[in-house]
């Protein structure tokens, strides 16, 4: 490798849904905290939890649903590599499985408390 070439490829360009302009993925600087959407509202920083972009941060209008949805959307992070997607998706799946386990355990606790109350009433 020559000393003038970077070991990392340049960030991939990506498209804003609200316009046809292209831009490079932004770094994690505070500039993304003051981005306004077409509604004039501050677009909050969110994290994608769906394939194929799990873990990738983006800015999106809070009015993205409803009768007159705002279409503002802009990626903050560059596209995730295949290994990152695979890993991120596995983490999200594990988290969902754990949340279901916790929900099931809460139901078991409720059932056990009910049984305890019934048994105490029989004594």
C-alpha atoms as a PDB file:
ATOM      1  CA  UNK A   1       0.000   0.000   0.000  1.00  0.00           C
ATOM      2  CA  UNK A   2       1.346   3.426  -0.836  1.00  0.00           C
ATOM      3  CA  UNK A   3       1.816   5.987   1.902  1.00  0.00           C
ATOM      4  CA  UNK A   4      -0.649   8.376   0.240  1.00  0.00           C
ATOM      5  CA  UNK A   5      -3.599   5.997   0.175  1.00  0.00           C
ATOM      6  CA  UNK A   6      -5.918   5.635   3.125  1.00  0.00           C
ATOM      7  CA  UNK A   7      -6.599   2.138   4.536  1.00  0.00           C
ATOM      8  CA  UNK A   8     -10.279   3.108   4.825  1.00  0.00           C
ATOM      9  CA  UNK A   9     -12.595   3.797   1.891  1.00  0.00           C
ATOM     10  CA  UNK A  10     -14.292   7.211   1.824  1.00  0.00           C
ATOM     11  CA  UNK A  11     -17.821   7.345   3.284  1.00  0.00           C
ATOM     12  CA  UNK A  12     -20.501   6.307   0.837  1.00  0.00           C
ATOM     13  CA  UNK A  13     -22.834   9.083  -0.300  1.00  0.00           C
ATOM     14  CA  UNK A  14     -26.460   8.715   0.713  1.00  0.00           C
ATOM     15  CA  UNK A  15     -29.740  10.337  -0.215  1.00  0.00           C
ATOM     16  CA  UNK A  16     -32.038  12.525   1.849  1.00  0.00           C
ATOM     17  CA  UNK A  17     -35.652  11.493   1.448  1.00  0.00           C
ATOM     18  CA  UNK A  18     -36.799  15.119   1.635  1.00  0.00           C
ATOM     19  CA  UNK A  19     -34.713  16.202  -1.350  1.00  0.00           C
ATOM     20  CA  UNK A  20     -32.532  14.883  -4.111  1.00  0.00           C
ATOM     21  CA  UNK A  21     -29.315  16.309  -2.691  1.00  0.00           C
ATOM     22  CA  UNK A  22     -26.465  13.965  -1.862  1.00  0.00           C
ATOM     23  CA  UNK A  23     -24.265  14.319   1.181  1.00  0.00           C
ATOM     24  CA  UNK A  24     -21.592  12.399   3.029  1.00  0.00           C
ATOM     25  CA  UNK A  25     -22.415  10.771   6.340  1.00  0.00           C
ATOM     26  CA  UNK A  26     -21.861  13.230   9.146  1.00  0.00           C
ATOM     27  CA  UNK A  27     -19.566  12.652  12.067  1.00  0.00           C
ATOM     28  CA  UNK A  28     -20.822  12.547  15.640  1.00  0.00           C
ATOM     29  CA  UNK A  29     -20.522  16.293  16.103  1.00  0.00           C
ATOM     30  CA  UNK A  30     -23.213  18.354  17.830  1.00  0.00           C
ATOM     31  CA  UNK A  31     -24.250  19.830  14.446  1.00  0.00           C
ATOM     32  CA  UNK A  32     -26.867  17.084  14.111  1.00  0.00           C
ATOM     33  CA  UNK A  33     -28.576  18.325  17.282  1.00  0.00           C
ATOM     34  CA  UNK A  34     -29.933  21.441  15.558  1.00  0.00           C
ATOM     35  CA  UNK A  35     -31.194  20.075  12.247  1.00  0.00           C
ATOM     36  CA  UNK A  36     -34.683  21.259  11.372  1.00  0.00           C
ATOM     37  CA  UNK A  37     -37.052  19.273   9.179  1.00  0.00           C
ATOM     38  CA  UNK A  38     -39.473  20.664   6.597  1.00  0.00           C
ATOM     39  CA  UNK A  39     -42.007  21.226   9.431  1.00  0.00           C
ATOM     40  CA  UNK A  40     -39.557  23.561  11.151  1.00  0.00           C
ATOM     41  CA  UNK A  41     -39.164  21.162  14.094  1.00  0.00           C
ATOM     42  CA  UNK A  42     -35.870  19.849  15.441  1.00  0.00           C
ATOM     43  CA  UNK A  43     -35.298  16.398  13.953  1.00  0.00           C
ATOM     44  CA  UNK A  44     -34.344  14.068  16.820  1.00  0.00           C
ATOM     45  CA  UNK A  45     -31.429  11.683  16.559  1.00  0.00           C
ATOM     46  CA  UNK A  46     -32.700   8.094  16.431  1.00  0.00           C
ATOM     47  CA  UNK A  47     -31.183   4.654  16.023  1.00  0.00           C
ATOM     48  CA  UNK A  48     -32.477   2.161  13.462  1.00  0.00           C
ATOM     49  CA  UNK A  49     -33.480  -1.206  14.920  1.00  0.00           C
ATOM     50  CA  UNK A  50     -34.547  -2.869  11.694  1.00  0.00           C
ATOM     51  CA  UNK A  51     -32.627  -4.728   9.015  1.00  0.00           C
ATOM     52  CA  UNK A  52     -30.520  -3.851   7.110  1.00  0.00           C
ATOM     53  CA  UNK A  53     -29.549  -0.728   9.080  1.00  0.00           C
ATOM     54  CA  UNK A  54     -29.673  -1.907  12.692  1.00  0.00           C
ATOM     55  CA  UNK A  55     -27.642   0.385  14.948  1.00  0.00           C
ATOM     56  CA  UNK A  56     -27.280   3.084  12.303  1.00  0.00           C
ATOM     57  CA  UNK A  57     -28.209   6.569  13.514  1.00  0.00           C
ATOM     58  CA  UNK A  58     -30.466   8.908  11.578  1.00  0.00           C
ATOM     59  CA  UNK A  59     -32.402  12.149  11.856  1.00  0.00           C
ATOM     60  CA  UNK A  60     -36.112  12.034  11.181  1.00  0.00           C
ATOM     61  CA  UNK A  61     -39.084  14.298  11.723  1.00  0.00           C
ATOM     62  CA  UNK A  62     -41.364  13.467  14.653  1.00  0.00           C
ATOM     63  CA  UNK A  63     -44.294  13.886  12.230  1.00  0.00           C
ATOM     64  CA  UNK A  64     -43.329  10.945  10.024  1.00  0.00           C
ATOM     65  CA  UNK A  65     -46.776   9.347  10.493  1.00  0.00           C
ATOM     66  CA  UNK A  66     -50.259  10.766  10.313  1.00  0.00           C
ATOM     67  CA  UNK A  67     -52.500  12.485   7.791  1.00  0.00           C
ATOM     68  CA  UNK A  68     -49.826  14.872   6.514  1.00  0.00           C
ATOM     69  CA  UNK A  69     -46.508  13.166   7.300  1.00  0.00           C
ATOM     70  CA  UNK A  70     -43.211  14.985   6.959  1.00  0.00           C
ATOM     71  CA  UNK A  71     -40.770  13.043   4.785  1.00  0.00           C
ATOM     72  CA  UNK A  72     -37.585  14.479   6.300  1.00  0.00           C
ATOM     73  CA  UNK A  73     -34.947  11.787   6.815  1.00  0.00           C
ATOM     74  CA  UNK A  74     -31.156  11.891   6.854  1.00  0.00           C
ATOM     75  CA  UNK A  75     -28.569   9.307   7.843  1.00  0.00           C
ATOM     76  CA  UNK A  76     -25.966  10.424  10.397  1.00  0.00           C
ATOM     77  CA  UNK A  77     -23.839   7.269  10.199  1.00  0.00           C
ATOM     78  CA  UNK A  78     -22.351   5.725   7.050  1.00  0.00           C
ATOM     79  CA  UNK A  79     -23.763   2.393   5.840  1.00  0.00           C
ATOM     80  CA  UNK A  80     -22.974  -0.544   8.086  1.00  0.00           C
ATOM     81  CA  UNK A  81     -20.678  -3.287   6.771  1.00  0.00           C
ATOM     82  CA  UNK A  82     -22.098  -6.808   6.341  1.00  0.00           C
ATOM     83  CA  UNK A  83     -20.453  -8.071   9.544  1.00  0.00           C
ATOM     84  CA  UNK A  84     -21.870  -5.135  11.489  1.00  0.00           C
ATOM     85  CA  UNK A  85     -25.343  -5.839  10.111  1.00  0.00           C
ATOM     86  CA  UNK A  86     -25.067  -9.511  11.047  1.00  0.00           C
ATOM     87  CA  UNK A  87     -23.860  -8.687  14.560  1.00  0.00           C
ATOM     88  CA  UNK A  88     -26.385  -5.901  15.108  1.00  0.00           C
ATOM     89  CA  UNK A  89     -29.280  -8.057  13.949  1.00  0.00           C
ATOM     90  CA  UNK A  90     -28.203 -10.866  16.302  1.00  0.00           C
ATOM     91  CA  UNK A  91     -28.043  -8.416  19.228  1.00  0.00           C
ATOM     92  CA  UNK A  92     -31.513  -7.037  18.456  1.00  0.00           C
ATOM     93  CA  UNK A  93     -32.907 -10.596  18.238  1.00  0.00           C
ATOM     94  CA  UNK A  94     -31.283 -11.547  21.561  1.00  0.00           C
ATOM     95  CA  UNK A  95     -32.680  -8.399  23.147  1.00  0.00           C
ATOM     96  CA  UNK A  96     -36.188  -9.158  21.858  1.00  0.00           C
ATOM     97  CA  UNK A  97     -35.909 -12.731  23.185  1.00  0.00           C
ATOM     98  CA  UNK A  98     -34.791 -11.425  26.583  1.00  0.00           C
ATOM     99  CA  UNK A  99     -37.658  -8.932  26.709  1.00  0.00           C
ATOM    100  CA  UNK A 100     -40.107 -11.761  26.027  1.00  0.00           C
ATOM    101  CA  UNK A 101     -38.459 -13.844  28.782  1.00  0.00           C
ATOM    102  CA  UNK A 102     -38.845 -10.939  31.224  1.00  0.00           C
ATOM    103  CA  UNK A 103     -42.502 -10.536  30.249  1.00  0.00           C
ATOM    104  CA  UNK A 104     -43.068 -14.279  30.806  1.00  0.00           C
ATOM    105  CA  UNK A 105     -41.344 -14.093  34.208  1.00  0.00           C
ATOM    106  CA  UNK A 106     -43.554 -11.171  35.254  1.00  0.00           C
ATOM    107  CA  UNK A 107     -46.618 -13.233  34.346  1.00  0.00           C
ATOM    108  CA  UNK A 108     -45.259 -16.142  36.399  1.00  0.00           C
ATOM    109  CA  UNK A 109     -44.723 -13.839  39.384  1.00  0.00           C
ATOM    110  CA  UNK A 110     -48.324 -12.628  39.153  1.00  0.00           C
ATOM    111  CA  UNK A 111     -49.571 -16.238  38.974  1.00  0.00           C
ATOM    112  CA  UNK A 112     -47.388 -17.263  41.941  1.00  0.00           C
ATOM    113  CA  UNK A 113     -48.624 -14.329  44.042  1.00  0.00           C
ATOM    114  CA  UNK A 114     -52.199 -15.277  43.196  1.00  0.00           C
ATOM    115  CA  UNK A 115     -51.520 -18.890  44.204  1.00  0.00           C
ATOM    116  CA  UNK A 116     -49.834 -17.704  47.417  1.00  0.00           C
ATOM    117  CA  UNK A 117     -52.871 -15.590  48.289  1.00  0.00           C
ATOM    118  CA  UNK A 118     -55.215 -18.519  47.609  1.00  0.00           C
ATOM    119  CA  UNK A 119     -53.108 -20.872  49.748  1.00  0.00           C
ATOM    120  CA  UNK A 120     -52.964 -18.379  52.622  1.00  0.00           C
ATOM    121  CA  UNK A 121     -56.753 -18.064  52.450  1.00  0.00           C
ATOM    122  CA  UNK A 122     -57.097 -21.842  52.839  1.00  0.00           C
ATOM    123  CA  UNK A 123     -55.027 -21.907  56.038  1.00  0.00           C
END
